[in-house]
Amino acid sequence: MKIKKFEFNMFPVNTYLIWDEQKEAILIDPGCASVTEQTQLKEYIESKELTLKHLLNTHLHLDHILGNPFVYNTFGLKPEAHKADEFWLENAPKQSRMFGFELPENQVPIGTYLSEGSIIETAGIKLEAIHVPGHSPGSLVFYCAADHCLFGGDVLFQGSIGRADLEGGNFDELREGICKKLFVLPPETVVFPGHGGKTTIGAEKSDNPFFRG
C-alpha cells in the first residue's frame, strides 16, 4: 500500500490518499477547501493514474469534510461515514460561520453508513472500521492489519488525544475507547492522525500523558 499525505485548509487537516498495485485508491478526510488545493489533489490522482474507489470520513467535523463536495462533483463518490455523526452535516454552515466564512456548496449526504467492523476494500487494500467515539459520536479509525497502520482522524495524536468539548464529545468515552480498541493492536502499528505527525501505538501506549497513572 502506498500513502500520500496532503495538508489542507486553515486548520490544517491531514488528507490521506492510499492505493494499491492495481492503482485503485481510497481517499480519507478530504480537507481541500480552495481551488488551489482541489487542483493539487486532482492533478496528483491523475498523475498516478489512480481510480478513486472510496471516500472515507473518519468523522464529520467541518475541517475534515470541506473537500467532500469537490470529490463528489469530480469523481462521483459520496462519503462513507458513521451515522452518529450525520448531524454535523446539517451543522456545517453554522460551524463555518463561527470561523468567519461561508461554505460555497452544500455538503454531500452520507452515501454508505459505516460502523464497528465495517470492511472497506479495493483490489489490494483491506481496511477495518473501528468505532472510537468521544471526539465525536461517530468517530472511526480505519485499520489496515496487513500494512500495520491505521488512519485515526482526531482520536489519537502524537502525545495527545482528540478534544472532547464539542457537541457529542465525551472525554471518558474517548479515553476508554483508545485503551480497549487501539492499545490492544500491535505496538508497531503506525498511526496516521488527522493533524500533525505520525506515531505508533507502542509509543502512545507508553508515553502519551493522557494514559499515565
N, C-alpha and C. Protein backbone atom coordinates (compact mmCIF):
# COMPACT_ATOMS: atom_id res chain seq x y z
N MET A 1 0.84 -1.20 0.00
CA MET A 1 0.00 0.00 0.00
C MET A 1 0.88 1.25 0.00
N LYS A 2 0.55 2.18 -0.87
CA LYS A 2 1.25 3.45 -0.93
C LYS A 2 0.39 4.53 -0.30
N ILE A 3 1.04 5.49 0.36
CA ILE A 3 0.33 6.52 1.13
C ILE A 3 0.89 7.89 0.75
N LYS A 4 -0.01 8.80 0.42
CA LYS A 4 0.35 10.19 0.18
C LYS A 4 -0.44 11.06 1.15
N LYS A 5 0.26 11.90 1.90
CA LYS A 5 -0.40 12.81 2.83
C LYS A 5 -0.39 14.22 2.26
N PHE A 6 -1.57 14.87 2.32
CA PHE A 6 -1.69 16.28 1.99
C PHE A 6 -2.09 17.02 3.27
N GLU A 7 -1.65 18.26 3.39
CA GLU A 7 -2.14 19.14 4.45
C GLU A 7 -2.99 20.22 3.81
N PHE A 8 -4.28 20.22 4.16
CA PHE A 8 -5.21 21.13 3.52
C PHE A 8 -5.92 22.01 4.53
N ASN A 9 -6.36 23.14 4.08
CA ASN A 9 -7.19 24.15 4.73
C ASN A 9 -6.53 24.83 5.92
N MET A 10 -7.27 25.74 6.53
CA MET A 10 -6.71 26.63 7.54
C MET A 10 -6.42 25.94 8.86
N PHE A 11 -6.88 24.70 9.04
CA PHE A 11 -6.83 24.14 10.38
C PHE A 11 -5.49 23.52 10.82
N PRO A 12 -4.64 22.94 10.03
CA PRO A 12 -4.83 22.23 8.78
C PRO A 12 -5.10 20.74 9.05
N VAL A 13 -5.71 20.09 8.09
CA VAL A 13 -6.10 18.69 8.20
C VAL A 13 -5.20 17.83 7.33
N ASN A 14 -4.86 16.65 7.85
CA ASN A 14 -4.17 15.66 7.04
C ASN A 14 -5.19 14.89 6.19
N THR A 15 -5.04 14.98 4.90
CA THR A 15 -5.82 14.19 3.96
C THR A 15 -4.92 13.08 3.43
N TYR A 16 -5.44 11.86 3.45
CA TYR A 16 -4.63 10.72 3.03
C TYR A 16 -5.21 10.09 1.76
N LEU A 17 -4.33 9.86 0.81
CA LEU A 17 -4.65 9.12 -0.40
C LEU A 17 -3.84 7.83 -0.36
N ILE A 18 -4.52 6.70 -0.41
CA ILE A 18 -3.82 5.41 -0.36
C ILE A 18 -4.23 4.58 -1.58
N TRP A 19 -3.30 3.79 -2.09
CA TRP A 19 -3.61 2.99 -3.28
C TRP A 19 -2.77 1.72 -3.31
N ASP A 20 -3.16 0.82 -4.22
CA ASP A 20 -2.52 -0.48 -4.34
C ASP A 20 -1.85 -0.61 -5.70
N GLU A 21 -1.30 -1.79 -5.96
CA GLU A 21 -0.59 -2.01 -7.22
C GLU A 21 -1.52 -1.94 -8.42
N GLN A 22 -2.80 -2.20 -8.19
CA GLN A 22 -3.77 -2.11 -9.28
C GLN A 22 -4.25 -0.67 -9.50
N LYS A 23 -3.69 0.25 -8.73
CA LYS A 23 -3.99 1.68 -8.85
C LYS A 23 -5.43 2.03 -8.45
N GLU A 24 -6.03 1.18 -7.62
CA GLU A 24 -7.31 1.51 -7.02
C GLU A 24 -7.05 2.24 -5.71
N ALA A 25 -7.73 3.37 -5.51
CA ALA A 25 -7.36 4.29 -4.42
C ALA A 25 -8.53 4.56 -3.48
N ILE A 26 -8.14 4.94 -2.26
CA ILE A 26 -9.08 5.35 -1.22
C ILE A 26 -8.63 6.73 -0.73
N LEU A 27 -9.58 7.64 -0.60
CA LEU A 27 -9.30 8.98 -0.10
C LEU A 27 -9.93 9.13 1.29
N ILE A 28 -9.14 9.61 2.24
CA ILE A 28 -9.60 9.73 3.62
C ILE A 28 -9.54 11.20 4.05
N ASP A 29 -10.67 11.72 4.48
CA ASP A 29 -10.79 13.09 5.02
C ASP A 29 -10.28 14.17 4.08
N PRO A 30 -10.97 14.34 2.94
CA PRO A 30 -10.53 15.40 2.02
C PRO A 30 -10.82 16.79 2.57
N GLY A 31 -9.78 17.48 2.96
CA GLY A 31 -9.95 18.81 3.54
C GLY A 31 -9.73 19.93 2.56
N CYS A 32 -9.56 19.61 1.29
CA CYS A 32 -9.23 20.64 0.29
C CYS A 32 -10.35 21.68 0.20
N ALA A 33 -10.01 22.91 0.50
CA ALA A 33 -11.02 23.96 0.64
C ALA A 33 -10.91 25.05 -0.42
N SER A 34 -9.80 25.11 -1.11
CA SER A 34 -9.60 26.16 -2.12
C SER A 34 -9.41 25.51 -3.49
N VAL A 35 -9.54 26.32 -4.54
CA VAL A 35 -9.32 25.81 -5.88
C VAL A 35 -7.90 25.28 -6.02
N THR A 36 -6.95 25.95 -5.40
CA THR A 36 -5.55 25.51 -5.46
C THR A 36 -5.39 24.12 -4.85
N GLU A 37 -6.01 23.92 -3.69
CA GLU A 37 -5.90 22.62 -3.02
C GLU A 37 -6.64 21.54 -3.80
N GLN A 38 -7.79 21.89 -4.33
CA GLN A 38 -8.56 20.93 -5.14
C GLN A 38 -7.77 20.51 -6.37
N THR A 39 -7.15 21.47 -7.02
CA THR A 39 -6.35 21.18 -8.21
C THR A 39 -5.16 20.31 -7.85
N GLN A 40 -4.53 20.59 -6.72
CA GLN A 40 -3.39 19.78 -6.28
C GLN A 40 -3.79 18.32 -6.11
N LEU A 41 -4.93 18.10 -5.46
CA LEU A 41 -5.39 16.73 -5.25
C LEU A 41 -5.74 16.05 -6.57
N LYS A 42 -6.50 16.72 -7.40
CA LYS A 42 -6.93 16.13 -8.68
C LYS A 42 -5.73 15.82 -9.57
N GLU A 43 -4.80 16.74 -9.66
CA GLU A 43 -3.64 16.52 -10.53
C GLU A 43 -2.76 15.39 -10.01
N TYR A 44 -2.68 15.24 -8.70
CA TYR A 44 -1.88 14.13 -8.16
C TYR A 44 -2.53 12.80 -8.51
N ILE A 45 -3.84 12.71 -8.31
CA ILE A 45 -4.57 11.48 -8.63
C ILE A 45 -4.39 11.13 -10.11
N GLU A 46 -4.50 12.14 -10.96
CA GLU A 46 -4.35 11.91 -12.40
C GLU A 46 -2.92 11.53 -12.75
N SER A 47 -1.94 12.15 -12.11
CA SER A 47 -0.54 11.87 -12.43
C SER A 47 -0.16 10.43 -12.09
N LYS A 48 -0.81 9.87 -11.08
CA LYS A 48 -0.55 8.48 -10.68
C LYS A 48 -1.49 7.50 -11.39
N GLU A 49 -2.38 8.03 -12.23
CA GLU A 49 -3.34 7.22 -12.99
C GLU A 49 -4.17 6.34 -12.06
N LEU A 50 -4.66 6.94 -10.98
CA LEU A 50 -5.42 6.21 -9.98
C LEU A 50 -6.90 6.26 -10.27
N THR A 51 -7.59 5.20 -9.87
CA THR A 51 -9.05 5.16 -9.91
C THR A 51 -9.56 5.23 -8.48
N LEU A 52 -10.24 6.30 -8.16
CA LEU A 52 -10.72 6.51 -6.79
C LEU A 52 -11.96 5.65 -6.56
N LYS A 53 -11.88 4.77 -5.55
CA LYS A 53 -12.95 3.81 -5.28
C LYS A 53 -13.78 4.16 -4.04
N HIS A 54 -13.16 4.81 -3.06
CA HIS A 54 -13.86 5.11 -1.81
C HIS A 54 -13.47 6.48 -1.31
N LEU A 55 -14.45 7.18 -0.75
CA LEU A 55 -14.24 8.42 0.00
C LEU A 55 -14.64 8.15 1.44
N LEU A 56 -13.68 8.14 2.35
CA LEU A 56 -13.94 7.84 3.75
C LEU A 56 -13.78 9.09 4.61
N ASN A 57 -14.67 9.24 5.56
CA ASN A 57 -14.52 10.29 6.58
C ASN A 57 -14.38 9.63 7.94
N THR A 58 -13.29 9.95 8.63
CA THR A 58 -13.12 9.44 9.99
C THR A 58 -14.20 9.98 10.91
N HIS A 59 -14.60 11.22 10.67
CA HIS A 59 -15.72 11.85 11.37
C HIS A 59 -16.14 13.05 10.53
N LEU A 60 -17.22 13.73 10.94
CA LEU A 60 -17.81 14.74 10.07
C LEU A 60 -17.70 16.16 10.61
N HIS A 61 -16.67 16.43 11.40
CA HIS A 61 -16.39 17.82 11.75
C HIS A 61 -15.99 18.59 10.50
N LEU A 62 -16.27 19.87 10.51
CA LEU A 62 -16.14 20.70 9.32
C LEU A 62 -14.79 20.57 8.63
N ASP A 63 -13.71 20.62 9.40
CA ASP A 63 -12.39 20.65 8.79
C ASP A 63 -12.06 19.39 7.99
N HIS A 64 -12.73 18.28 8.30
CA HIS A 64 -12.45 17.02 7.63
C HIS A 64 -13.35 16.75 6.42
N ILE A 65 -14.34 17.60 6.19
CA ILE A 65 -15.30 17.36 5.12
C ILE A 65 -15.35 18.47 4.08
N LEU A 66 -14.48 19.46 4.19
CA LEU A 66 -14.56 20.61 3.29
C LEU A 66 -14.39 20.22 1.83
N GLY A 67 -13.67 19.14 1.57
CA GLY A 67 -13.46 18.71 0.19
C GLY A 67 -14.46 17.69 -0.31
N ASN A 68 -15.41 17.28 0.52
CA ASN A 68 -16.38 16.27 0.08
C ASN A 68 -17.17 16.69 -1.16
N PRO A 69 -17.70 17.93 -1.22
CA PRO A 69 -18.42 18.32 -2.44
C PRO A 69 -17.56 18.26 -3.70
N PHE A 70 -16.31 18.68 -3.58
CA PHE A 70 -15.41 18.63 -4.74
C PHE A 70 -15.19 17.19 -5.19
N VAL A 71 -14.97 16.30 -4.25
CA VAL A 71 -14.73 14.89 -4.60
C VAL A 71 -15.98 14.29 -5.24
N TYR A 72 -17.14 14.64 -4.71
CA TYR A 72 -18.38 14.14 -5.30
C TYR A 72 -18.58 14.67 -6.72
N ASN A 73 -18.37 15.96 -6.90
CA ASN A 73 -18.57 16.58 -8.22
C ASN A 73 -17.55 16.11 -9.25
N THR A 74 -16.35 15.78 -8.78
CA THR A 74 -15.26 15.41 -9.69
C THR A 74 -15.19 13.92 -9.95
N PHE A 75 -15.39 13.13 -8.90
CA PHE A 75 -15.20 11.68 -9.01
C PHE A 75 -16.49 10.87 -8.78
N GLY A 76 -17.57 11.56 -8.41
CA GLY A 76 -18.84 10.87 -8.25
C GLY A 76 -18.98 10.02 -7.01
N LEU A 77 -18.15 10.28 -5.99
CA LEU A 77 -18.18 9.47 -4.77
C LEU A 77 -18.84 10.24 -3.63
N LYS A 78 -19.78 9.59 -2.96
CA LYS A 78 -20.33 10.13 -1.73
C LYS A 78 -19.54 9.59 -0.54
N PRO A 79 -19.52 10.34 0.56
CA PRO A 79 -18.73 9.91 1.71
C PRO A 79 -19.28 8.65 2.37
N GLU A 80 -18.38 7.88 2.95
CA GLU A 80 -18.71 6.74 3.79
C GLU A 80 -18.30 7.12 5.20
N ALA A 81 -19.27 7.08 6.13
CA ALA A 81 -19.03 7.56 7.49
C ALA A 81 -20.04 6.94 8.43
N HIS A 82 -19.89 7.24 9.72
CA HIS A 82 -20.79 6.69 10.74
C HIS A 82 -22.04 7.56 10.85
N LYS A 83 -23.17 6.91 10.98
CA LYS A 83 -24.45 7.61 11.05
C LYS A 83 -24.53 8.56 12.24
N ALA A 84 -23.85 8.22 13.34
CA ALA A 84 -23.94 9.04 14.56
C ALA A 84 -23.39 10.44 14.36
N ASP A 85 -22.61 10.65 13.33
CA ASP A 85 -22.06 11.99 13.05
C ASP A 85 -22.86 12.75 12.00
N GLU A 86 -23.95 12.18 11.53
CA GLU A 86 -24.68 12.78 10.42
C GLU A 86 -25.17 14.19 10.72
N PHE A 87 -25.49 14.47 11.99
CA PHE A 87 -25.99 15.81 12.35
C PHE A 87 -24.97 16.90 12.07
N TRP A 88 -23.67 16.54 12.04
CA TRP A 88 -22.66 17.54 11.76
C TRP A 88 -22.75 18.09 10.34
N LEU A 89 -23.32 17.31 9.42
CA LEU A 89 -23.51 17.83 8.06
C LEU A 89 -24.50 18.97 8.04
N GLU A 90 -25.57 18.84 8.81
CA GLU A 90 -26.55 19.92 8.91
C GLU A 90 -25.97 21.13 9.61
N ASN A 91 -25.05 20.89 10.54
CA ASN A 91 -24.45 21.99 11.30
C ASN A 91 -23.30 22.68 10.58
N ALA A 92 -22.89 22.13 9.44
CA ALA A 92 -21.68 22.65 8.78
C ALA A 92 -21.77 24.14 8.43
N PRO A 93 -22.88 24.64 7.86
CA PRO A 93 -22.92 26.09 7.56
C PRO A 93 -22.77 26.96 8.81
N LYS A 94 -23.44 26.56 9.88
CA LYS A 94 -23.32 27.30 11.14
C LYS A 94 -21.90 27.25 11.67
N GLN A 95 -21.28 26.08 11.58
CA GLN A 95 -19.92 25.93 12.07
C GLN A 95 -18.95 26.77 11.26
N SER A 96 -19.16 26.82 9.94
CA SER A 96 -18.25 27.62 9.11
C SER A 96 -18.35 29.10 9.45
N ARG A 97 -19.58 29.58 9.71
CA ARG A 97 -19.75 30.99 10.06
C ARG A 97 -19.05 31.34 11.37
N MET A 98 -18.95 30.36 12.26
CA MET A 98 -18.22 30.58 13.52
C MET A 98 -16.75 30.87 13.25
N PHE A 99 -16.24 30.34 12.14
CA PHE A 99 -14.84 30.56 11.77
C PHE A 99 -14.69 31.68 10.74
N GLY A 100 -15.79 32.38 10.45
CA GLY A 100 -15.70 33.58 9.63
C GLY A 100 -15.79 33.38 8.14
N PHE A 101 -16.36 32.26 7.69
CA PHE A 101 -16.52 32.10 6.25
C PHE A 101 -17.80 31.33 5.95
N GLU A 102 -18.25 31.44 4.71
CA GLU A 102 -19.44 30.74 4.25
C GLU A 102 -19.04 29.57 3.36
N LEU A 103 -19.75 28.47 3.49
CA LEU A 103 -19.50 27.33 2.61
C LEU A 103 -20.01 27.64 1.22
N PRO A 104 -19.20 27.41 0.19
CA PRO A 104 -19.64 27.71 -1.17
C PRO A 104 -20.67 26.71 -1.71
N GLU A 105 -20.70 25.50 -1.15
CA GLU A 105 -21.61 24.46 -1.62
C GLU A 105 -22.22 23.73 -0.44
N ASN A 106 -23.37 23.12 -0.69
CA ASN A 106 -23.96 22.27 0.34
C ASN A 106 -23.13 21.02 0.53
N GLN A 107 -23.17 20.50 1.73
CA GLN A 107 -22.45 19.27 2.00
C GLN A 107 -23.13 18.08 1.34
N VAL A 108 -22.35 17.06 1.05
CA VAL A 108 -22.84 15.85 0.40
C VAL A 108 -23.33 14.87 1.47
N PRO A 109 -24.53 14.32 1.33
CA PRO A 109 -25.00 13.36 2.32
C PRO A 109 -24.17 12.09 2.32
N ILE A 110 -24.22 11.38 3.44
CA ILE A 110 -23.51 10.11 3.53
C ILE A 110 -24.08 9.13 2.51
N GLY A 111 -23.20 8.50 1.76
CA GLY A 111 -23.63 7.52 0.78
C GLY A 111 -23.68 6.11 1.32
N THR A 112 -22.76 5.79 2.24
CA THR A 112 -22.70 4.47 2.86
C THR A 112 -22.43 4.65 4.34
N TYR A 113 -23.27 4.04 5.16
CA TYR A 113 -23.05 4.10 6.61
C TYR A 113 -22.04 3.02 7.02
N LEU A 114 -21.06 3.45 7.79
CA LEU A 114 -20.06 2.53 8.34
C LEU A 114 -20.26 2.41 9.84
N SER A 115 -19.87 1.29 10.39
CA SER A 115 -19.97 1.07 11.83
C SER A 115 -18.84 0.15 12.26
N GLU A 116 -18.83 -0.22 13.52
CA GLU A 116 -17.81 -1.11 14.06
C GLU A 116 -17.73 -2.39 13.22
N GLY A 117 -16.52 -2.65 12.72
CA GLY A 117 -16.30 -3.87 11.96
C GLY A 117 -16.54 -3.77 10.47
N SER A 118 -17.04 -2.63 9.98
CA SER A 118 -17.23 -2.48 8.54
C SER A 118 -15.90 -2.66 7.81
N ILE A 119 -15.95 -3.31 6.66
CA ILE A 119 -14.75 -3.56 5.86
C ILE A 119 -14.83 -2.72 4.58
N ILE A 120 -13.74 -2.02 4.30
CA ILE A 120 -13.63 -1.23 3.08
C ILE A 120 -12.48 -1.82 2.28
N GLU A 121 -12.75 -2.21 1.03
CA GLU A 121 -11.75 -2.92 0.24
C GLU A 121 -11.60 -2.34 -1.16
N THR A 122 -10.38 -2.46 -1.69
CA THR A 122 -10.12 -2.33 -3.11
C THR A 122 -9.49 -3.65 -3.54
N ALA A 123 -8.92 -3.68 -4.73
CA ALA A 123 -8.31 -4.92 -5.21
C ALA A 123 -7.15 -5.37 -4.31
N GLY A 124 -6.49 -4.40 -3.66
CA GLY A 124 -5.31 -4.78 -2.88
C GLY A 124 -5.23 -4.20 -1.49
N ILE A 125 -6.28 -3.53 -1.02
CA ILE A 125 -6.27 -2.90 0.31
C ILE A 125 -7.53 -3.33 1.06
N LYS A 126 -7.34 -3.67 2.32
CA LYS A 126 -8.47 -4.01 3.18
C LYS A 126 -8.36 -3.22 4.47
N LEU A 127 -9.35 -2.37 4.72
CA LEU A 127 -9.41 -1.57 5.94
C LEU A 127 -10.59 -2.03 6.79
N GLU A 128 -10.39 -2.04 8.09
CA GLU A 128 -11.47 -2.34 9.03
C GLU A 128 -11.81 -1.08 9.82
N ALA A 129 -13.08 -0.76 9.90
CA ALA A 129 -13.52 0.40 10.67
C ALA A 129 -13.65 0.04 12.14
N ILE A 130 -13.03 0.84 12.98
CA ILE A 130 -13.12 0.68 14.43
C ILE A 130 -13.79 1.93 14.98
N HIS A 131 -14.89 1.76 15.68
CA HIS A 131 -15.66 2.88 16.21
C HIS A 131 -15.09 3.30 17.56
N VAL A 132 -14.54 4.51 17.63
CA VAL A 132 -13.97 5.04 18.86
C VAL A 132 -14.58 6.42 19.12
N PRO A 133 -15.79 6.46 19.69
CA PRO A 133 -16.44 7.75 19.95
C PRO A 133 -15.78 8.50 21.09
N GLY A 134 -16.14 9.76 21.21
CA GLY A 134 -15.60 10.60 22.29
C GLY A 134 -15.16 11.95 21.77
N HIS A 135 -14.42 11.95 20.66
CA HIS A 135 -14.14 13.23 19.99
C HIS A 135 -15.41 13.68 19.28
N SER A 136 -16.05 12.75 18.62
CA SER A 136 -17.39 12.92 18.07
C SER A 136 -18.11 11.59 18.25
N PRO A 137 -19.43 11.58 18.21
CA PRO A 137 -20.16 10.32 18.44
C PRO A 137 -19.85 9.24 17.41
N GLY A 138 -19.53 9.68 16.18
CA GLY A 138 -19.31 8.70 15.12
C GLY A 138 -17.86 8.54 14.69
N SER A 139 -16.92 8.92 15.51
CA SER A 139 -15.50 8.84 15.11
C SER A 139 -15.10 7.40 14.79
N LEU A 140 -14.49 7.25 13.63
CA LEU A 140 -14.00 5.95 13.18
C LEU A 140 -12.49 6.00 12.97
N VAL A 141 -11.86 4.87 13.22
CA VAL A 141 -10.46 4.65 12.90
C VAL A 141 -10.43 3.56 11.83
N PHE A 142 -9.62 3.74 10.79
CA PHE A 142 -9.53 2.76 9.72
C PHE A 142 -8.19 2.01 9.84
N TYR A 143 -8.29 0.72 10.14
CA TYR A 143 -7.13 -0.11 10.47
C TYR A 143 -6.80 -1.05 9.33
N CYS A 144 -5.53 -1.05 8.93
CA CYS A 144 -5.04 -1.97 7.91
C CYS A 144 -4.06 -2.94 8.58
N ALA A 145 -4.54 -4.14 8.88
CA ALA A 145 -3.71 -5.13 9.57
C ALA A 145 -2.53 -5.56 8.71
N ALA A 146 -2.74 -5.70 7.41
CA ALA A 146 -1.69 -6.19 6.52
C ALA A 146 -0.50 -5.25 6.44
N ASP A 147 -0.78 -3.94 6.54
CA ASP A 147 0.30 -2.95 6.44
C ASP A 147 0.64 -2.32 7.78
N HIS A 148 0.07 -2.86 8.86
CA HIS A 148 0.42 -2.43 10.22
C HIS A 148 0.27 -0.92 10.40
N CYS A 149 -0.88 -0.40 10.02
CA CYS A 149 -1.10 1.04 10.17
C CYS A 149 -2.58 1.31 10.38
N LEU A 150 -2.87 2.52 10.84
CA LEU A 150 -4.25 2.96 10.97
C LEU A 150 -4.34 4.45 10.69
N PHE A 151 -5.52 4.84 10.22
CA PHE A 151 -5.82 6.23 9.94
C PHE A 151 -6.84 6.66 10.98
N GLY A 152 -6.37 7.50 11.92
CA GLY A 152 -7.10 7.68 13.16
C GLY A 152 -7.91 8.95 13.30
N GLY A 153 -7.97 9.78 12.28
CA GLY A 153 -8.73 11.02 12.44
C GLY A 153 -8.26 11.79 13.65
N ASP A 154 -9.21 12.25 14.46
CA ASP A 154 -8.87 13.06 15.64
C ASP A 154 -9.03 12.27 16.93
N VAL A 155 -8.83 10.97 16.86
CA VAL A 155 -8.93 10.13 18.06
C VAL A 155 -7.63 10.16 18.86
N LEU A 156 -6.52 9.82 18.20
CA LEU A 156 -5.23 9.68 18.87
C LEU A 156 -4.16 10.42 18.09
N PHE A 157 -3.39 11.24 18.82
CA PHE A 157 -2.30 12.00 18.22
C PHE A 157 -0.98 11.65 18.88
N GLN A 158 0.08 12.18 18.30
CA GLN A 158 1.39 12.05 18.92
C GLN A 158 1.40 12.86 20.22
N GLY A 159 1.39 12.15 21.34
CA GLY A 159 1.43 12.80 22.64
C GLY A 159 0.13 13.43 23.09
N SER A 160 -0.98 13.11 22.43
CA SER A 160 -2.24 13.72 22.80
C SER A 160 -3.40 12.87 22.32
N ILE A 161 -4.62 13.34 22.59
CA ILE A 161 -5.83 12.71 22.09
C ILE A 161 -6.76 13.82 21.58
N GLY A 162 -7.85 13.43 20.95
CA GLY A 162 -8.78 14.42 20.41
C GLY A 162 -9.49 15.20 21.50
N ARG A 163 -9.89 16.41 21.18
CA ARG A 163 -10.66 17.21 22.12
C ARG A 163 -12.05 16.58 22.27
N ALA A 164 -12.64 16.78 23.43
CA ALA A 164 -13.93 16.15 23.72
C ALA A 164 -14.98 17.17 24.15
N ASP A 165 -14.73 18.45 23.88
CA ASP A 165 -15.62 19.50 24.36
C ASP A 165 -16.60 20.00 23.29
N LEU A 166 -16.60 19.39 22.10
CA LEU A 166 -17.57 19.75 21.08
C LEU A 166 -18.84 18.92 21.25
N GLU A 167 -19.89 19.30 20.56
CA GLU A 167 -21.18 18.63 20.72
C GLU A 167 -21.04 17.13 20.48
N GLY A 168 -21.54 16.35 21.42
CA GLY A 168 -21.47 14.90 21.31
C GLY A 168 -20.16 14.30 21.79
N GLY A 169 -19.24 15.14 22.25
CA GLY A 169 -17.96 14.63 22.73
C GLY A 169 -18.05 14.09 24.15
N ASN A 170 -17.12 13.22 24.50
CA ASN A 170 -17.10 12.62 25.83
C ASN A 170 -15.69 12.15 26.12
N PHE A 171 -15.00 12.84 27.04
CA PHE A 171 -13.60 12.54 27.31
C PHE A 171 -13.41 11.13 27.82
N ASP A 172 -14.21 10.71 28.78
CA ASP A 172 -14.03 9.36 29.36
C ASP A 172 -14.28 8.28 28.32
N GLU A 173 -15.27 8.49 27.47
CA GLU A 173 -15.56 7.53 26.42
C GLU A 173 -14.41 7.43 25.43
N LEU A 174 -13.84 8.57 25.09
CA LEU A 174 -12.70 8.60 24.16
C LEU A 174 -11.50 7.86 24.75
N ARG A 175 -11.17 8.16 25.97
CA ARG A 175 -10.02 7.54 26.61
C ARG A 175 -10.21 6.03 26.73
N GLU A 176 -11.42 5.62 27.13
CA GLU A 176 -11.70 4.20 27.28
C GLU A 176 -11.63 3.47 25.93
N GLY A 177 -12.16 4.11 24.89
CA GLY A 177 -12.12 3.50 23.57
C GLY A 177 -10.71 3.31 23.05
N ILE A 178 -9.85 4.28 23.28
CA ILE A 178 -8.45 4.15 22.87
C ILE A 178 -7.80 2.99 23.60
N CYS A 179 -8.03 2.90 24.89
CA CYS A 179 -7.42 1.83 25.68
C CYS A 179 -7.90 0.45 25.24
N LYS A 180 -9.21 0.31 25.05
CA LYS A 180 -9.79 -1.01 24.79
C LYS A 180 -9.71 -1.44 23.33
N LYS A 181 -9.66 -0.47 22.40
CA LYS A 181 -9.72 -0.83 20.99
C LYS A 181 -8.45 -0.56 20.21
N LEU A 182 -7.66 0.43 20.63
CA LEU A 182 -6.44 0.77 19.89
C LEU A 182 -5.18 0.24 20.57
N PHE A 183 -5.11 0.36 21.86
CA PHE A 183 -3.90 -0.08 22.56
C PHE A 183 -3.74 -1.59 22.58
N VAL A 184 -4.75 -2.32 22.12
CA VAL A 184 -4.63 -3.78 22.00
C VAL A 184 -4.05 -4.18 20.65
N LEU A 185 -3.88 -3.23 19.75
CA LEU A 185 -3.28 -3.51 18.46
C LEU A 185 -1.77 -3.67 18.62
N PRO A 186 -1.09 -4.30 17.65
CA PRO A 186 0.36 -4.48 17.75
C PRO A 186 1.07 -3.15 17.97
N PRO A 187 2.08 -3.12 18.85
CA PRO A 187 2.74 -1.85 19.18
C PRO A 187 3.42 -1.18 18.00
N GLU A 188 3.77 -1.95 16.98
CA GLU A 188 4.44 -1.35 15.82
C GLU A 188 3.47 -0.69 14.86
N THR A 189 2.17 -0.77 15.13
CA THR A 189 1.16 -0.17 14.26
C THR A 189 1.39 1.34 14.14
N VAL A 190 1.54 1.81 12.93
CA VAL A 190 1.77 3.24 12.68
C VAL A 190 0.42 3.96 12.68
N VAL A 191 0.37 5.06 13.41
CA VAL A 191 -0.84 5.87 13.50
C VAL A 191 -0.68 7.10 12.61
N PHE A 192 -1.54 7.22 11.60
CA PHE A 192 -1.57 8.41 10.75
C PHE A 192 -2.76 9.26 11.22
N PRO A 193 -2.51 10.32 11.98
CA PRO A 193 -3.60 11.09 12.59
C PRO A 193 -4.17 12.15 11.65
N GLY A 194 -5.27 12.76 12.10
CA GLY A 194 -5.92 13.80 11.31
C GLY A 194 -5.20 15.13 11.32
N HIS A 195 -4.30 15.32 12.26
CA HIS A 195 -3.48 16.53 12.35
C HIS A 195 -2.10 16.14 12.86
N GLY A 196 -1.08 16.81 12.40
CA GLY A 196 0.26 16.58 12.92
C GLY A 196 0.93 15.35 12.36
N GLY A 197 2.05 14.97 13.02
CA GLY A 197 2.88 13.89 12.52
C GLY A 197 2.42 12.52 12.98
N LYS A 198 2.95 11.50 12.32
CA LYS A 198 2.59 10.13 12.64
C LYS A 198 3.27 9.66 13.91
N THR A 199 2.75 8.58 14.47
CA THR A 199 3.30 7.99 15.68
C THR A 199 3.04 6.49 15.62
N THR A 200 3.21 5.78 16.73
CA THR A 200 2.90 4.35 16.77
C THR A 200 2.05 4.05 18.00
N ILE A 201 1.35 2.95 17.95
CA ILE A 201 0.55 2.52 19.09
C ILE A 201 1.46 2.30 20.30
N GLY A 202 2.60 1.67 20.09
CA GLY A 202 3.52 1.42 21.20
C GLY A 202 4.00 2.67 21.88
N ALA A 203 4.34 3.69 21.08
CA ALA A 203 4.83 4.94 21.63
C ALA A 203 3.76 5.64 22.45
N GLU A 204 2.54 5.63 21.95
CA GLU A 204 1.47 6.33 22.68
C GLU A 204 1.03 5.55 23.92
N LYS A 205 1.07 4.26 23.84
CA LYS A 205 0.69 3.44 24.99
C LYS A 205 1.65 3.66 26.15
N SER A 206 2.93 3.88 25.84
CA SER A 206 3.92 4.03 26.90
C SER A 206 4.17 5.48 27.31
N ASP A 207 4.00 6.43 26.37
CA ASP A 207 4.43 7.81 26.65
C ASP A 207 3.34 8.86 26.62
N ASN A 208 2.15 8.55 26.10
CA ASN A 208 1.11 9.56 25.99
C ASN A 208 0.67 10.00 27.37
N PRO A 209 0.75 11.30 27.69
CA PRO A 209 0.44 11.77 29.05
C PRO A 209 -1.00 11.54 29.49
N PHE A 210 -1.91 11.32 28.56
CA PHE A 210 -3.31 11.09 28.92
C PHE A 210 -3.55 9.68 29.46
N PHE A 211 -2.53 8.84 29.42
CA PHE A 211 -2.70 7.45 29.87
C PHE A 211 -1.69 7.06 30.94
N ARG A 212 -1.09 8.04 31.57
CA ARG A 212 -0.16 7.74 32.67
C ARG A 212 -0.93 7.68 33.98
N GLY A 213 -0.52 6.79 34.84
CA GLY A 213 -1.08 6.70 36.15
C GLY A 213 -2.41 5.95 36.20
